């Protein structure tokens, strides 16, 4: 028990006086701007073999779904204001 207490006291003292200094291996251009590519990967992804090349039609599907959802919610809200009760299924 004494060894555990002594170890905890030493660890607390080391953190309090020495601080936790760590080097993560990055070269920062400015404070908080520490991104760098991993070895073997390009600095810019666009145009490289790692570029995901998203299809604009696939991206547009999400936008259409969100617009349809907002339209349904507007109908539900209008119906709730008109009738005074909320109904999920509104035509």
Foldseek 3Di string as FASTA:
>chain_A
DVVVVVVVVVVVVCCVPVNDDDDPPFDAPDVPRGDADDPPDDRDCPPDPNNPPDDVVVVVVVVVVVVVVVVLVVQQVVVCVVPVDGDNDDD
